[in-house]
Amino acid sequence: VQLVESGGGLVQPGGSLRLSCVGSGFTFSLYVMKWFRQTPGKERELVTTISRAGDEKNYADPVKGRFTISRDNAKNTVYLQMNSLKPEDTAVYYCSAVRPPSNLEYWGQGTQVTVSS
């Protein structure tokens, strides 16, 4: 089982990035997908979730209206489009896959996003 994130990097405030997370070794379409983020010294924060079919999405208040989650089950990939980025969005971003109802969960290794001028 593997989840591999990509797309992180350095961006100026107000800029955009799109993160990708590709899953392998499991049936991707059976898993709820999530994006988390973490900064040093803080707990991991849930950013957004998307249902297995992609028809239900939830966002944390700090990112509502700026971030969009989507998925392509044919490509075993979940995306996070991040617009209007702020310095406080700087973090390591992780994707996770959760299988209802057992809540079996897999994690990626993370990708660094840095928002700075």
PDB file of N, CA and C in Angstrom:
ATOM      1  N   VAL A   1       0.848  -1.191   0.000  1.00  0.00           N
ATOM      2  CA  VAL A   1       0.000   0.000   0.000  1.00  0.00           C
ATOM      3  C   VAL A   1       0.881   1.238   0.000  1.00  0.00           C
ATOM      4  N   GLN A   2       0.527   2.196  -0.830  1.00  0.00           N
ATOM      5  CA  GLN A   2       1.329   3.409  -0.911  1.00  0.00           C
ATOM      6  C   GLN A   2       0.462   4.604  -1.284  1.00  0.00           C
ATOM      7  N   LEU A   3       0.751   5.726  -0.632  1.00  0.00           N
ATOM      8  CA  LEU A   3       0.177   7.014  -1.004  1.00  0.00           C
ATOM      9  C   LEU A   3       1.350   7.957  -1.227  1.00  0.00           C
ATOM     10  N   VAL A   4       1.389   8.592  -2.386  1.00  0.00           N
ATOM     11  CA  VAL A   4       2.512   9.458  -2.719  1.00  0.00           C
ATOM     12  C   VAL A   4       1.993  10.835  -3.086  1.00  0.00           C
ATOM     13  N   GLU A   5       2.356  11.816  -2.249  1.00  0.00           N
ATOM     14  CA  GLU A   5       1.966  13.200  -2.511  1.00  0.00           C
ATOM     15  C   GLU A   5       3.015  13.892  -3.364  1.00  0.00           C
ATOM     16  N   SER A   6       2.575  14.863  -4.116  1.00  0.00           N
ATOM     17  CA  SER A   6       3.480  15.691  -4.906  1.00  0.00           C
ATOM     18  C   SER A   6       2.820  17.048  -5.139  1.00  0.00           C
ATOM     19  N   GLY A   7       3.628  17.994  -5.634  1.00  0.00           N
ATOM     20  CA  GLY A   7       3.089  19.297  -5.992  1.00  0.00           C
ATOM     21  C   GLY A   7       3.403  20.408  -5.017  1.00  0.00           C
ATOM     22  N   GLY A   8       4.016  20.075  -3.899  1.00  0.00           N
ATOM     23  CA  GLY A   8       4.376  21.106  -2.949  1.00  0.00           C
ATOM     24  C   GLY A   8       5.511  21.973  -3.467  1.00  0.00           C
ATOM     25  N   GLY A   9       5.770  23.053  -2.718  1.00  0.00           N
ATOM     26  CA  GLY A   9       6.851  23.937  -3.116  1.00  0.00           C
ATOM     27  C   GLY A   9       6.739  25.282  -2.446  1.00  0.00           C
ATOM     28  N   LEU A  10       7.495  26.230  -2.962  1.00  0.00           N
ATOM     29  CA  LEU A  10       7.510  27.596  -2.454  1.00  0.00           C
ATOM     30  C   LEU A  10       6.658  28.473  -3.365  1.00  0.00           C
ATOM     31  N   VAL A  11       5.745  29.229  -2.761  1.00  0.00           N
ATOM     32  CA  VAL A  11       4.865  30.102  -3.529  1.00  0.00           C
ATOM     33  C   VAL A  11       4.690  31.408  -2.766  1.00  0.00           C
ATOM     34  N   GLN A  12       4.483  32.482  -3.490  1.00  0.00           N
ATOM     35  CA  GLN A  12       4.264  33.777  -2.861  1.00  0.00           C
ATOM     36  C   GLN A  12       2.836  33.884  -2.336  1.00  0.00           C
ATOM     37  N   PRO A  13       2.630  34.709  -1.320  1.00  0.00           N
ATOM     38  CA  PRO A  13       1.255  34.933  -0.838  1.00  0.00           C
ATOM     39  C   PRO A  13       0.347  35.365  -1.983  1.00  0.00           C
ATOM     40  N   GLY A  14      -0.859  34.801  -1.990  1.00  0.00           N
ATOM     41  CA  GLY A  14      -1.802  35.058  -3.067  1.00  0.00           C
ATOM     42  C   GLY A  14      -1.683  34.091  -4.224  1.00  0.00           C
ATOM     43  N   GLY A  15      -0.653  33.294  -4.222  1.00  0.00           N
ATOM     44  CA  GLY A  15      -0.431  32.338  -5.304  1.00  0.00           C
ATOM     45  C   GLY A  15      -1.230  31.063  -5.139  1.00  0.00           C
ATOM     46  N   SER A  16      -0.991  30.127  -6.065  1.00  0.00           N
ATOM     47  CA  SER A  16      -1.733  28.864  -6.087  1.00  0.00           C
ATOM     48  C   SER A  16      -0.782  27.688  -6.228  1.00  0.00           C
ATOM     49  N   LEU A  17      -1.231  26.564  -5.716  1.00  0.00           N
ATOM     50  CA  LEU A  17      -0.548  25.286  -5.909  1.00  0.00           C
ATOM     51  C   LEU A  17      -1.607  24.206  -6.034  1.00  0.00           C
ATOM     52  N   ARG A  18      -1.270  23.148  -6.760  1.00  0.00           N
ATOM     53  CA  ARG A  18      -2.137  21.972  -6.780  1.00  0.00           C
ATOM     54  C   ARG A  18      -1.340  20.763  -6.315  1.00  0.00           C
ATOM     55  N   LEU A  19      -1.821  20.173  -5.243  1.00  0.00           N
ATOM     56  CA  LEU A  19      -1.208  18.950  -4.719  1.00  0.00           C
ATOM     57  C   LEU A  19      -1.917  17.742  -5.314  1.00  0.00           C
ATOM     58  N   SER A  20      -1.151  16.685  -5.497  1.00  0.00           N
ATOM     59  CA  SER A  20      -1.700  15.408  -5.954  1.00  0.00           C
ATOM     60  C   SER A  20      -1.290  14.315  -4.986  1.00  0.00           C
ATOM     61  N   CYS A  21      -2.115  13.303  -4.896  1.00  0.00           N
ATOM     62  CA  CYS A  21      -1.811  12.136  -4.060  1.00  0.00           C
ATOM     63  C   CYS A  21      -2.270  10.902  -4.826  1.00  0.00           C
ATOM     64  N   VAL A  22      -1.324  10.061  -5.171  1.00  0.00           N
ATOM     65  CA  VAL A  22      -1.628   8.851  -5.935  1.00  0.00           C
ATOM     66  C   VAL A  22      -1.569   7.644  -5.017  1.00  0.00           C
ATOM     67  N   GLY A  23      -2.621   6.839  -5.045  1.00  0.00           N
ATOM     68  CA  GLY A  23      -2.668   5.636  -4.228  1.00  0.00           C
ATOM     69  C   GLY A  23      -2.405   4.385  -5.049  1.00  0.00           C
ATOM     70  N   SER A  24      -1.814   3.394  -4.388  1.00  0.00           N
ATOM     71  CA  SER A  24      -1.591   2.107  -5.039  1.00  0.00           C
ATOM     72  C   SER A  24      -1.611   1.003  -3.992  1.00  0.00           C
ATOM     73  N   GLY A  25      -1.947  -0.196  -4.442  1.00  0.00           N
ATOM     74  CA  GLY A  25      -1.958  -1.337  -3.533  1.00  0.00           C
ATOM     75  C   GLY A  25      -3.249  -1.520  -2.766  1.00  0.00           C
ATOM     76  N   PHE A  26      -4.253  -0.723  -3.070  1.00  0.00           N
ATOM     77  CA  PHE A  26      -5.566  -0.864  -2.437  1.00  0.00           C
ATOM     78  C   PHE A  26      -6.620  -0.358  -3.413  1.00  0.00           C
ATOM     79  N   THR A  27      -7.892  -0.665  -3.104  1.00  0.00           N
ATOM     80  CA  THR A  27      -8.982  -0.250  -3.996  1.00  0.00           C
ATOM     81  C   THR A  27      -9.359   1.184  -3.675  1.00  0.00           C
ATOM     82  N   PHE A  28      -8.787   2.088  -4.409  1.00  0.00           N
ATOM     83  CA  PHE A  28      -8.865   3.522  -4.119  1.00  0.00           C
ATOM     84  C   PHE A  28     -10.315   4.001  -3.982  1.00  0.00           C
ATOM     85  N   SER A  29     -11.186   3.531  -4.836  1.00  0.00           N
ATOM     86  CA  SER A  29     -12.562   4.041  -4.868  1.00  0.00           C
ATOM     87  C   SER A  29     -13.369   3.666  -3.630  1.00  0.00           C
ATOM     88  N   LEU A  30     -12.881   2.752  -2.821  1.00  0.00           N
ATOM     89  CA  LEU A  30     -13.582   2.346  -1.607  1.00  0.00           C
ATOM     90  C   LEU A  30     -13.195   3.175  -0.389  1.00  0.00           C
ATOM     91  N   TYR A  31     -12.284   4.102  -0.590  1.00  0.00           N
ATOM     92  CA  TYR A  31     -11.741   4.868   0.538  1.00  0.00           C
ATOM     93  C   TYR A  31     -12.148   6.342   0.481  1.00  0.00           C
ATOM     94  N   VAL A  32     -12.554   6.854   1.638  1.00  0.00           N
ATOM     95  CA  VAL A  32     -12.688   8.296   1.813  1.00  0.00           C
ATOM     96  C   VAL A  32     -11.270   8.875   1.831  1.00  0.00           C
ATOM     97  N   MET A  33     -11.094   9.984   1.140  1.00  0.00           N
ATOM     98  CA  MET A  33      -9.772  10.596   1.075  1.00  0.00           C
ATOM     99  C   MET A  33      -9.755  11.915   1.842  1.00  0.00           C
ATOM    100  N   LYS A  34      -8.632  12.176   2.495  1.00  0.00           N
ATOM    101  CA  LYS A  34      -8.506  13.375   3.320  1.00  0.00           C
ATOM    102  C   LYS A  34      -7.148  14.040   3.083  1.00  0.00           C
ATOM    103  N   TRP A  35      -7.116  15.320   3.299  1.00  0.00           N
ATOM    104  CA  TRP A  35      -5.868  16.070   3.346  1.00  0.00           C
ATOM    105  C   TRP A  35      -5.729  16.665   4.747  1.00  0.00           C
ATOM    106  N   PHE A  36      -4.554  16.500   5.315  1.00  0.00           N
ATOM    107  CA  PHE A  36      -4.201  17.085   6.591  1.00  0.00           C
ATOM    108  C   PHE A  36      -2.991  17.992   6.366  1.00  0.00           C
ATOM    109  N   ARG A  37      -2.698  18.808   7.359  1.00  0.00           N
ATOM    110  CA  ARG A  37      -1.457  19.570   7.338  1.00  0.00           C
ATOM    111  C   ARG A  37      -0.914  19.680   8.760  1.00  0.00           C
ATOM    112  N   GLN A  38       0.395  19.883   8.821  1.00  0.00           N
ATOM    113  CA  GLN A  38       1.043  19.963  10.126  1.00  0.00           C
ATOM    114  C   GLN A  38       2.229  20.904  10.058  1.00  0.00           C
ATOM    115  N   THR A  39       2.351  21.732  11.100  1.00  0.00           N
ATOM    116  CA  THR A  39       3.512  22.598  11.267  1.00  0.00           C
ATOM    117  C   THR A  39       4.251  22.165  12.526  1.00  0.00           C
ATOM    118  N   PRO A  40       5.532  22.469  12.611  1.00  0.00           N
ATOM    119  CA  PRO A  40       6.323  22.032  13.769  1.00  0.00           C
ATOM    120  C   PRO A  40       5.710  22.494  15.079  1.00  0.00           C
ATOM    121  N   GLY A  41       5.602  21.585  16.011  1.00  0.00           N
ATOM    122  CA  GLY A  41       5.102  21.911  17.334  1.00  0.00           C
ATOM    123  C   GLY A  41       3.591  21.939  17.454  1.00  0.00           C
ATOM    124  N   LYS A  42       2.909  21.663  16.347  1.00  0.00           N
ATOM    125  CA  LYS A  42       1.447  21.667  16.371  1.00  0.00           C
ATOM    126  C   LYS A  42       0.902  20.308  15.976  1.00  0.00           C
ATOM    127  N   GLU A  43      -0.342  20.059  16.383  1.00  0.00           N
ATOM    128  CA  GLU A  43      -0.991  18.810  16.011  1.00  0.00           C
ATOM    129  C   GLU A  43      -1.371  18.839  14.528  1.00  0.00           C
ATOM    130  N   ARG A  44      -1.475  17.654  13.970  1.00  0.00           N
ATOM    131  CA  ARG A  44      -1.912  17.542  12.590  1.00  0.00           C
ATOM    132  C   ARG A  44      -3.356  18.036  12.487  1.00  0.00           C
ATOM    133  N   GLU A  45      -3.618  18.849  11.478  1.00  0.00           N
ATOM    134  CA  GLU A  45      -4.919  19.503  11.307  1.00  0.00           C
ATOM    135  C   GLU A  45      -5.624  18.956  10.073  1.00  0.00           C
ATOM    136  N   LEU A  46      -6.894  18.568  10.234  1.00  0.00           N
ATOM    137  CA  LEU A  46      -7.672  18.114   9.085  1.00  0.00           C
ATOM    138  C   LEU A  46      -8.048  19.319   8.230  1.00  0.00           C
ATOM    139  N   VAL A  47      -7.733  19.253   6.959  1.00  0.00           N
ATOM    140  CA  VAL A  47      -8.002  20.354   6.029  1.00  0.00           C
ATOM    141  C   VAL A  47      -9.297  20.121   5.252  1.00  0.00           C
ATOM    142  N   THR A  48      -9.441  18.928   4.696  1.00  0.00           N
ATOM    143  CA  THR A  48     -10.588  18.660   3.837  1.00  0.00           C
ATOM    144  C   THR A  48     -10.776  17.163   3.642  1.00  0.00           C
ATOM    145  N   THR A  49     -12.001  16.761   3.374  1.00  0.00           N
ATOM    146  CA  THR A  49     -12.313  15.365   3.073  1.00  0.00           C
ATOM    147  C   THR A  49     -13.191  15.294   1.833  1.00  0.00           C
ATOM    148  N   ILE A  50     -13.149  14.137   1.181  1.00  0.00           N
ATOM    149  CA  ILE A  50     -14.001  13.897   0.019  1.00  0.00           C
ATOM    150  C   ILE A  50     -14.507  12.458   0.090  1.00  0.00           C
ATOM    151  N   SER A  51     -15.785  12.287  -0.211  1.00  0.00           N
ATOM    152  CA  SER A  51     -16.401  10.969  -0.152  1.00  0.00           C
ATOM    153  C   SER A  51     -15.874  10.064  -1.260  1.00  0.00           C
ATOM    154  N   ARG A  52     -16.241   8.809  -1.184  1.00  0.00           N
ATOM    155  CA  ARG A  52     -15.714   7.831  -2.131  1.00  0.00           C
ATOM    156  C   ARG A  52     -16.108   8.142  -3.566  1.00  0.00           C
ATOM    157  N   ALA A  53     -17.335   8.633  -3.755  1.00  0.00           N
ATOM    158  CA  ALA A  53     -17.795   8.977  -5.105  1.00  0.00           C
ATOM    159  C   ALA A  53     -17.420  10.399  -5.504  1.00  0.00           C
ATOM    160  N   GLY A  54     -16.930  11.175  -4.534  1.00  0.00           N
ATOM    161  CA  GLY A  54     -16.544  12.555  -4.826  1.00  0.00           C
ATOM    162  C   GLY A  54     -17.687  13.541  -4.751  1.00  0.00           C
ATOM    163  N   ASP A  55     -18.842  13.114  -4.248  1.00  0.00           N
ATOM    164  CA  ASP A  55     -20.007  14.000  -4.247  1.00  0.00           C
ATOM    165  C   ASP A  55     -20.213  14.733  -2.930  1.00  0.00           C
ATOM    166  N   GLU A  56     -19.427  14.390  -1.930  1.00  0.00           N
ATOM    167  CA  GLU A  56     -19.512  15.095  -0.653  1.00  0.00           C
ATOM    168  C   GLU A  56     -18.125  15.573  -0.261  1.00  0.00           C
ATOM    169  N   LYS A  57     -18.041  16.850   0.059  1.00  0.00           N
ATOM    170  CA  LYS A  57     -16.755  17.452   0.421  1.00  0.00           C
ATOM    171  C   LYS A  57     -16.950  18.307   1.660  1.00  0.00           C
ATOM    172  N   ASN A  58     -15.959  18.300   2.505  1.00  0.00           N
ATOM    173  CA  ASN A  58     -15.979  19.143   3.690  1.00  0.00           C
ATOM    174  C   ASN A  58     -14.633  19.854   3.823  1.00  0.00           C
ATOM    175  N   TYR A  59     -14.691  21.071   4.355  1.00  0.00           N
ATOM    176  CA  TYR A  59     -13.493  21.888   4.475  1.00  0.00           C
ATOM    177  C   TYR A  59     -13.391  22.490   5.870  1.00  0.00           C
ATOM    178  N   ALA A  60     -12.174  22.621   6.359  1.00  0.00           N
ATOM    179  CA  ALA A  60     -11.942  23.353   7.591  1.00  0.00           C
ATOM    180  C   ALA A  60     -12.184  24.838   7.326  1.00  0.00           C
ATOM    181  N   ASP A  61     -12.640  25.534   8.339  1.00  0.00           N
ATOM    182  CA  ASP A  61     -12.987  26.952   8.156  1.00  0.00           C
ATOM    183  C   ASP A  61     -11.847  27.782   7.577  1.00  0.00           C
ATOM    184  N   PRO A  62     -10.592  27.572   8.006  1.00  0.00           N
ATOM    185  CA  PRO A  62      -9.512  28.441   7.493  1.00  0.00           C
ATOM    186  C   PRO A  62      -9.278  28.344   5.975  1.00  0.00           C
ATOM    187  N   VAL A  63      -9.781  27.277   5.342  1.00  0.00           N
ATOM    188  CA  VAL A  63      -9.497  27.104   3.914  1.00  0.00           C
ATOM    189  C   VAL A  63     -10.747  27.197   3.036  1.00  0.00           C
ATOM    190  N   LYS A  64     -11.903  27.338   3.655  1.00  0.00           N
ATOM    191  CA  LYS A  64     -13.138  27.418   2.875  1.00  0.00           C
ATOM    192  C   LYS A  64     -13.091  28.570   1.879  1.00  0.00           C
ATOM    193  N   GLY A  65     -13.511  28.265   0.664  1.00  0.00           N
ATOM    194  CA  GLY A  65     -13.513  29.285  -0.383  1.00  0.00           C
ATOM    195  C   GLY A  65     -12.188  29.468  -1.088  1.00  0.00           C
ATOM    196  N   ARG A  66     -11.124  28.843  -0.563  1.00  0.00           N
ATOM    197  CA  ARG A  66      -9.791  28.981  -1.178  1.00  0.00           C
ATOM    198  C   ARG A  66      -9.264  27.639  -1.683  1.00  0.00           C
ATOM    199  N   PHE A  67      -9.573  26.564  -0.992  1.00  0.00           N
ATOM    200  CA  PHE A  67      -9.081  25.231  -1.348  1.00  0.00           C
ATOM    201  C   PHE A  67     -10.219  24.415  -1.930  1.00  0.00           C
ATOM    202  N   THR A  68      -9.877  23.535  -2.875  1.00  0.00           N
ATOM    203  CA  THR A  68     -10.846  22.625  -3.474  1.00  0.00           C
ATOM    204  C   THR A  68     -10.252  21.237  -3.571  1.00  0.00           C
ATOM    205  N   ILE A  69     -10.980  20.276  -3.023  1.00  0.00           N
ATOM    206  CA  ILE A  69     -10.554  18.882  -3.123  1.00  0.00           C
ATOM    207  C   ILE A  69     -11.325  18.214  -4.253  1.00  0.00           C
ATOM    208  N   SER A  70     -10.668  17.319  -4.951  1.00  0.00           N
ATOM    209  CA  SER A  70     -11.322  16.542  -5.995  1.00  0.00           C
ATOM    210  C   SER A  70     -10.610  15.200  -6.105  1.00  0.00           C
ATOM    211  N   ARG A  71     -11.228  14.274  -6.811  1.00  0.00           N
ATOM    212  CA  ARG A  71     -10.600  12.965  -6.983  1.00  0.00           C
ATOM    213  C   ARG A  71     -10.937  12.399  -8.344  1.00  0.00           C
ATOM    214  N   ASP A  72     -10.054  11.541  -8.813  1.00  0.00           N
ATOM    215  CA  ASP A  72     -10.257  10.810 -10.062  1.00  0.00           C
ATOM    216  C   ASP A  72     -10.011   9.345  -9.738  1.00  0.00           C
ATOM    217  N   ASN A  73     -11.077   8.600  -9.535  1.00  0.00           N
ATOM    218  CA  ASN A  73     -10.928   7.208  -9.126  1.00  0.00           C
ATOM    219  C   ASN A  73     -10.301   6.346 -10.226  1.00  0.00           C
ATOM    220  N   ALA A  74     -10.455   6.755 -11.465  1.00  0.00           N
ATOM    221  CA  ALA A  74      -9.834   6.012 -12.564  1.00  0.00           C
ATOM    222  C   ALA A  74      -8.311   6.131 -12.532  1.00  0.00           C
ATOM    223  N   LYS A  75      -7.828   7.225 -11.938  1.00  0.00           N
ATOM    224  CA  LYS A  75      -6.386   7.454 -11.835  1.00  0.00           C
ATOM    225  C   LYS A  75      -5.859   7.226 -10.422  1.00  0.00           C
ATOM    226  N   ASN A  76      -6.734   6.787  -9.524  1.00  0.00           N
ATOM    227  CA  ASN A  76      -6.333   6.564  -8.126  1.00  0.00           C
ATOM    228  C   ASN A  76      -5.675   7.806  -7.524  1.00  0.00           C
ATOM    229  N   THR A  77      -6.247   8.949  -7.821  1.00  0.00           N
ATOM    230  CA  THR A  77      -5.619  10.203  -7.430  1.00  0.00           C
ATOM    231  C   THR A  77      -6.614  11.152  -6.779  1.00  0.00           C
ATOM    232  N   VAL A  78      -6.159  11.807  -5.726  1.00  0.00           N
ATOM    233  CA  VAL A  78      -6.907  12.889  -5.106  1.00  0.00           C
ATOM    234  C   VAL A  78      -6.075  14.159  -5.240  1.00  0.00           C
ATOM    235  N   TYR A  79      -6.760  15.274  -5.453  1.00  0.00           N
ATOM    236  CA  TYR A  79      -6.106  16.550  -5.673  1.00  0.00           C
ATOM    237  C   TYR A  79      -6.512  17.562  -4.607  1.00  0.00           C
ATOM    238  N   LEU A  80      -5.641  18.525  -4.391  1.00  0.00           N
ATOM    239  CA  LEU A  80      -5.979  19.658  -3.538  1.00  0.00           C
ATOM    240  C   LEU A  80      -5.529  20.915  -4.268  1.00  0.00           C
ATOM    241  N   GLN A  81      -6.510  21.649  -4.786  1.00  0.00           N
ATOM    242  CA  GLN A  81      -6.224  22.925  -5.433  1.00  0.00           C
ATOM    243  C   GLN A  81      -6.248  24.004  -4.368  1.00  0.00           C
ATOM    244  N   MET A  82      -5.142  24.703  -4.229  1.00  0.00           N
ATOM    245  CA  MET A  82      -5.016  25.723  -3.183  1.00  0.00           C
ATOM    246  C   MET A  82      -4.799  27.076  -3.850  1.00  0.00           C
ATOM    247  N   ASN A  83      -5.753  27.966  -3.653  1.00  0.00           N
ATOM    248  CA  ASN A  83      -5.685  29.312  -4.213  1.00  0.00           C
ATOM    249  C   ASN A  83      -5.594  30.347  -3.096  1.00  0.00           C
ATOM    250  N   SER A  84      -5.214  31.557  -3.469  1.00  0.00           N
ATOM    251  CA  SER A  84      -5.119  32.660  -2.502  1.00  0.00           C
ATOM    252  C   SER A  84      -4.347  32.240  -1.265  1.00  0.00           C
ATOM    253  N   LEU A  85      -3.215  31.632  -1.482  1.00  0.00           N
ATOM    254  CA  LEU A  85      -2.438  31.088  -0.365  1.00  0.00           C
ATOM    255  C   LEU A  85      -1.929  32.180   0.552  1.00  0.00           C
ATOM    256  N   LYS A  86      -1.880  31.848   1.842  1.00  0.00           N
ATOM    257  CA  LYS A  86      -1.441  32.756   2.887  1.00  0.00           C
ATOM    258  C   LYS A  86      -0.227  32.159   3.590  1.00  0.00           C
ATOM    259  N   PRO A  87       0.579  32.979   4.225  1.00  0.00           N
ATOM    260  CA  PRO A  87       1.729  32.438   4.976  1.00  0.00           C
ATOM    261  C   PRO A  87       1.311  31.387   6.007  1.00  0.00           C
ATOM    262  N   GLU A  88       0.146  31.554   6.585  1.00  0.00           N
ATOM    263  CA  GLU A  88      -0.317  30.584   7.591  1.00  0.00           C
ATOM    264  C   GLU A  88      -0.710  29.241   6.995  1.00  0.00           C
ATOM    265  N   ASP A  89      -0.730  29.141   5.676  1.00  0.00           N
ATOM    266  CA  ASP A  89      -0.959  27.838   5.035  1.00  0.00           C
ATOM    267  C   ASP A  89       0.330  27.018   4.947  1.00  0.00           C
ATOM    268  N   THR A  90       1.446  27.614   5.312  1.00  0.00           N
ATOM    269  CA  THR A  90       2.717  26.898   5.292  1.00  0.00           C
ATOM    270  C   THR A  90       2.663  25.700   6.225  1.00  0.00           C
ATOM    271  N   ALA A  91       2.968  24.523   5.690  1.00  0.00           N
ATOM    272  CA  ALA A  91       2.885  23.283   6.461  1.00  0.00           C
ATOM    273  C   ALA A  91       3.341  22.124   5.586  1.00  0.00           C
ATOM    274  N   VAL A  92       3.504  20.980   6.212  1.00  0.00           N
ATOM    275  CA  VAL A  92       3.621  19.729   5.466  1.00  0.00           C
ATOM    276  C   VAL A  92       2.200  19.200   5.273  1.00  0.00           C
ATOM    277  N   TYR A  93       1.855  18.911   4.030  1.00  0.00           N
ATOM    278  CA  TYR A  93       0.523  18.420   3.695  1.00  0.00           C
ATOM    279  C   TYR A  93       0.572  16.919   3.457  1.00  0.00           C
ATOM    280  N   TYR A  94      -0.353  16.229   4.109  1.00  0.00           N
ATOM    281  CA  TYR A  94      -0.440  14.765   4.025  1.00  0.00           C
ATOM    282  C   TYR A  94      -1.805  14.352   3.480  1.00  0.00           C
ATOM    283  N   CYS A  95      -1.815  13.325   2.674  1.00  0.00           N
ATOM    284  CA  CYS A  95      -3.104  12.738   2.320  1.00  0.00           C
ATOM    285  C   CYS A  95      -3.271  11.433   3.097  1.00  0.00           C
ATOM    286  N   SER A  96      -4.517  11.093   3.347  1.00  0.00           N
ATOM    287  CA  SER A  96      -4.827   9.818   3.983  1.00  0.00           C
ATOM    288  C   SER A  96      -6.021   9.181   3.295  1.00  0.00           C
ATOM    289  N   ALA A  97      -6.066   7.863   3.384  1.00  0.00           N
ATOM    290  CA  ALA A  97      -7.161   7.077   2.839  1.00  0.00           C
ATOM    291  C   ALA A  97      -7.794   6.303   3.971  1.00  0.00           C
ATOM    292  N   VAL A  98      -9.113   6.427   4.114  1.00  0.00           N
ATOM    293  CA  VAL A  98      -9.832   5.787   5.213  1.00  0.00           C
ATOM    294  C   VAL A  98     -10.933   4.911   4.647  1.00  0.00           C
ATOM    295  N   ARG A  99     -10.964   3.648   5.093  1.00  0.00           N
ATOM    296  CA  ARG A  99     -11.959   2.698   4.605  1.00  0.00           C
ATOM    297  C   ARG A  99     -13.092   2.558   5.596  1.00  0.00           C
ATOM    298  N   PRO A 100     -14.284   3.090   5.253  1.00  0.00           N
ATOM    299  CA  PRO A 100     -15.430   2.826   6.118  1.00  0.00           C
ATOM    300  C   PRO A 100     -15.863   1.359   6.008  1.00  0.00           C
ATOM    301  N   PRO A 101     -16.509   0.741   6.995  1.00  0.00           N
ATOM    302  CA  PRO A 101     -16.704   1.307   8.339  1.00  0.00           C
ATOM    303  C   PRO A 101     -15.590   0.957   9.318  1.00  0.00           C
ATOM    304  N   SER A 102     -14.577   0.208   8.845  1.00  0.00           N
ATOM    305  CA  SER A 102     -13.534  -0.226   9.776  1.00  0.00           C
ATOM    306  C   SER A 102     -12.591   0.899  10.169  1.00  0.00           C
ATOM    307  N   ASN A 103     -12.564   1.971   9.357  1.00  0.00           N
ATOM    308  CA  ASN A 103     -11.643   3.085   9.568  1.00  0.00           C
ATOM    309  C   ASN A 103     -10.181   2.685   9.415  1.00  0.00           C
ATOM    310  N   LEU A 104      -9.942   1.634   8.685  1.00  0.00           N
ATOM    311  CA  LEU A 104      -8.567   1.319   8.290  1.00  0.00           C
ATOM    312  C   LEU A 104      -8.012   2.529   7.551  1.00  0.00           C
ATOM    313  N   GLU A 105      -6.798   2.961   7.922  1.00  0.00           N
ATOM    314  CA  GLU A 105      -6.287   4.224   7.400  1.00  0.00           C
ATOM    315  C   GLU A 105      -4.853   4.088   6.921  1.00  0.00           C
ATOM    316  N   TYR A 106      -4.575   4.697   5.779  1.00  0.00           N
ATOM    317  CA  TYR A 106      -3.232   4.753   5.235  1.00  0.00           C
ATOM    318  C   TYR A 106      -2.814   6.224   5.103  1.00  0.00           C
ATOM    319  N   TRP A 107      -1.486   6.454   5.178  1.00  0.00           N
ATOM    320  CA  TRP A 107      -0.954   7.811   5.116  1.00  0.00           C
ATOM    321  C   TRP A 107       0.146   7.914   4.072  1.00  0.00           C
ATOM    322  N   GLY A 108       0.240   9.088   3.474  1.00  0.00           N
ATOM    323  CA  GLY A 108       1.377   9.393   2.626  1.00  0.00           C
ATOM    324  C   GLY A 108       2.518   9.974   3.447  1.00  0.00           C
ATOM    325  N   GLN A 109       3.610  10.297   2.759  1.00  0.00           N
ATOM    326  CA  GLN A 109       4.807  10.768   3.449  1.00  0.00           C
ATOM    327  C   GLN A 109       4.826  12.286   3.610  1.00  0.00           C
ATOM    328  N   GLY A 110       3.924  12.971   2.929  1.00  0.00           N
ATOM    329  CA  GLY A 110       3.821  14.413   3.065  1.00  0.00           C
ATOM    330  C   GLY A 110       4.580  15.181   1.999  1.00  0.00           C
ATOM    331  N   THR A 111       4.116  16.396   1.756  1.00  0.00           N
ATOM    332  CA  THR A 111       4.791  17.302   0.831  1.00  0.00           C
ATOM    333  C   THR A 111       4.777  18.701   1.434  1.00  0.00           C
ATOM    334  N   GLN A 112       5.914  19.371   1.376  1.00  0.00           N
ATOM    335  CA  GLN A 112       6.060  20.670   2.024  1.00  0.00           C
ATOM    336  C   GLN A 112       5.484  21.776   1.148  1.00  0.00           C
ATOM    337  N   VAL A 113       4.658  22.609   1.774  1.00  0.00           N
ATOM    338  CA  VAL A 113       4.149  23.818   1.129  1.00  0.00           C
ATOM    339  C   VAL A 113       4.634  25.011   1.945  1.00  0.00           C
ATOM    340  N   THR A 114       5.314  25.933   1.277  1.00  0.00           N
ATOM    341  CA  THR A 114       5.813  27.126   1.941  1.00  0.00           C
ATOM    342  C   THR A 114       5.291  28.352   1.210  1.00  0.00           C
ATOM    343  N   VAL A 115       4.595  29.205   1.951  1.00  0.00           N
ATOM    344  CA  VAL A 115       4.035  30.431   1.385  1.00  0.00           C
ATOM    345  C   VAL A 115       4.806  31.604   1.982  1.00  0.00           C
ATOM    346  N   SER A 116       5.592  32.238   1.144  1.00  0.00           N
ATOM    347  CA  SER A 116       6.465  33.301   1.635  1.00  0.00           C
ATOM    348  C   SER A 116       6.874  34.205   0.487  1.00  0.00           C
ATOM    349  N   SER A 117       7.064  35.462   0.809  1.00  0.00           N
ATOM    350  CA  SER A 117       7.555  36.409  -0.197  1.00  0.00           C
ATOM    351  C   SER A 117       9.080  36.518  -0.119  1.00  0.00           C
TER     352      SER A 117
END
